[in-house]
Protein backbone atom coordinates (compact mmCIF):
# COMPACT_ATOMS: atom_id res chain seq x y z
CA UNK A 1 155.77 237.94 122.76
CA UNK A 2 153.17 240.14 124.36
CA UNK A 3 150.31 239.07 126.75
CA UNK A 4 147.80 238.23 124.15
CA UNK A 5 150.27 236.12 122.44
CA UNK A 6 151.11 234.36 125.85
CA UNK A 7 147.32 233.67 126.47
CA UNK A 8 147.19 231.97 122.73
CA UNK A 9 150.34 230.00 123.57
CA UNK A 10 148.93 228.71 126.80
CA UNK A 11 145.49 227.63 125.15
CA UNK A 12 147.54 225.72 122.38
CA UNK A 13 149.59 224.03 124.70
CA UNK A 14 146.52 223.44 127.15
CA UNK A 15 148.35 221.67 130.05
CA UNK A 16 150.78 223.52 132.44
CA UNK A 17 153.24 222.07 134.75
CA UNK A 18 152.62 223.63 138.28
CA UNK A 19 155.71 223.58 140.74
CA UNK A 20 155.48 224.10 144.39
CA UNK A 21 157.51 223.39 147.36
CA UNK A 22 157.41 223.21 151.22
CA UNK A 23 160.88 224.27 151.49
CA UNK A 24 162.24 220.71 151.66
CA UNK A 25 160.36 218.82 149.02
CA UNK A 26 159.31 219.95 145.56
CA UNK A 27 156.28 218.83 143.50
CA UNK A 28 155.68 219.21 139.76
CA UNK A 29 152.19 218.13 138.34
CA UNK A 30 150.15 218.83 135.07
CA UNK A 31 147.02 221.20 135.54
CA UNK A 32 144.65 222.14 132.74
CA UNK A 33 141.60 223.71 134.58
CA UNK A 34 143.09 227.11 134.55
CA UNK A 35 141.84 230.77 133.47
CA UNK A 36 143.16 234.30 133.37
CA UNK A 37 141.04 236.24 135.72
CA UNK A 38 142.01 240.09 135.42
CA UNK A 39 145.81 239.77 136.33
CA UNK A 40 145.60 236.56 138.16
CA UNK A 41 146.11 233.07 136.82
CA UNK A 42 143.32 230.73 138.47
CA UNK A 43 143.24 227.05 138.54
CA UNK A 44 140.96 224.50 139.87
CA UNK A 45 142.35 221.96 142.55
CA UNK A 46 141.04 219.68 145.18
CA UNK A 47 141.48 220.15 149.17
CA UNK A 48 143.95 217.72 150.55
CA UNK A 49 146.46 217.30 147.75
CA UNK A 50 150.00 217.61 148.21
CA UNK A 51 150.28 220.99 146.54
CA UNK A 52 147.72 222.68 148.89
CA UNK A 53 149.99 221.89 151.90
CA UNK A 54 152.99 223.03 150.08
CA UNK A 55 151.29 226.36 149.34
CA UNK A 56 150.14 226.73 152.99
CA UNK A 57 153.87 226.57 153.95
CA UNK A 58 155.60 228.46 151.03
CA UNK A 59 152.77 230.37 149.16
CA UNK A 60 154.73 230.60 145.83
CA UNK A 61 154.56 228.63 142.90
CA UNK A 62 155.45 228.48 139.14
CA UNK A 63 153.72 227.46 135.85
CA UNK A 64 155.56 226.16 132.86
CA UNK A 65 153.75 225.80 129.54
CA UNK A 66 155.84 224.07 126.82
CA UNK A 67 155.78 222.97 123.33
CA UNK A 68 157.36 219.77 122.19
CA UNK A 69 160.01 221.74 120.32
CA UNK A 70 161.04 223.15 123.68
CA UNK A 71 159.69 226.81 123.43
CA UNK A 72 158.07 227.55 126.75
CA UNK A 73 156.78 230.32 129.14
CA UNK A 74 157.31 230.25 132.76
CA UNK A 75 154.78 232.06 135.19
CA UNK A 76 155.57 232.68 138.63
CA UNK A 77 154.33 234.55 141.79
CA UNK A 78 152.74 234.42 145.00
CA UNK A 79 149.64 231.85 145.23
CA UNK A 80 146.73 231.70 147.52
CA UNK A 81 144.17 229.04 148.13
CA UNK A 82 140.73 230.45 147.92
CA UNK A 83 137.33 228.50 149.23
CA UNK A 84 135.38 231.56 148.28
CA UNK A 85 131.96 230.61 146.58
CA UNK A 86 132.32 233.63 144.30
CA UNK A 87 135.97 232.63 143.01
CA UNK A 88 134.82 228.94 142.79
CA UNK A 89 131.80 230.01 140.72
CA UNK A 90 133.57 232.28 138.42
CA UNK A 91 136.32 229.63 137.55
CA UNK A 92 133.77 226.88 137.12
CA UNK A 93 131.96 229.09 134.70
CA UNK A 94 135.01 229.72 132.83
CA UNK A 95 136.73 226.25 132.71
CA UNK A 96 134.08 223.66 131.52
CA UNK A 97 136.43 220.79 132.18
CA UNK A 98 135.82 221.27 135.95
CA UNK A 99 132.04 220.06 135.28
CA UNK A 100 133.51 216.51 134.92
CA UNK A 101 135.02 216.39 138.29
CA UNK A 102 132.28 218.52 140.28
CA UNK A 103 128.66 218.79 140.05
CA UNK A 104 128.57 222.39 141.31
CA UNK A 105 130.77 225.02 142.38
CA UNK A 106 129.61 224.33 145.89
CA UNK A 107 131.39 221.19 146.10
CA UNK A 108 133.67 221.11 149.45
CA UNK A 109 136.61 219.75 147.83
CA UNK A 110 136.86 221.99 145.07
CA UNK A 111 139.20 225.09 145.82
CA UNK A 112 140.77 227.69 143.53
CA UNK A 113 144.39 228.60 143.44
CA UNK A 114 144.90 232.19 142.67
CA UNK A 115 148.25 233.35 141.28
CA UNK A 116 149.29 237.09 140.77
CA UNK A 117 152.39 236.62 138.71
CA UNK A 118 155.37 238.73 139.60
CA UNK A 119 157.43 237.13 136.64
CA UNK A 120 156.37 235.89 133.25
CA UNK A 121 159.20 234.73 130.98
CA UNK A 122 159.29 233.37 127.34
CA UNK A 123 161.98 231.24 126.09
CA UNK A 124 162.82 232.05 122.55
CA UNK A 125 163.76 228.57 121.07
CA UNK A 126 165.77 230.34 118.39
CA UNK A 127 168.16 231.96 120.74
CA UNK A 128 167.42 230.12 124.07
CA UNK A 129 167.29 233.36 125.62
CA UNK A 130 164.38 234.37 128.04
CA UNK A 131 162.49 237.42 127.66
CA UNK A 132 159.97 239.28 129.94
CA UNK A 133 156.31 239.27 129.02
CA UNK A 134 154.27 242.08 130.40
CA UNK A 135 150.91 241.20 131.71
CA UNK A 136 148.11 243.28 130.43
């Protein structure tokens, strides 16, 4: 799988499972308000959620996008929380589903999770082996 195929796979699956931890407790939740921005995977989120406090303690996360047959990709790396209006506007314009939750990118509750993946792996269902995917 190459990076273009990875992006296609993610669009088909749509929802990714997003895992974070504070070092003691792990949280996994579905997220769909995501987009690739250059070499980073960005996702819309809301202030005050558990994942935000976990990222403040351990700024590392992992996404998993999985098909019903078990084929999946795992995307892991450092993840930071951005409240920058520039970042919020960029993602707001890329991910139209965010408009259902926020009237404007200026909404104080709306934030952006920015991950710069250090590891992207695809699991080949035929062999159950992981293969690295090179980003761009």
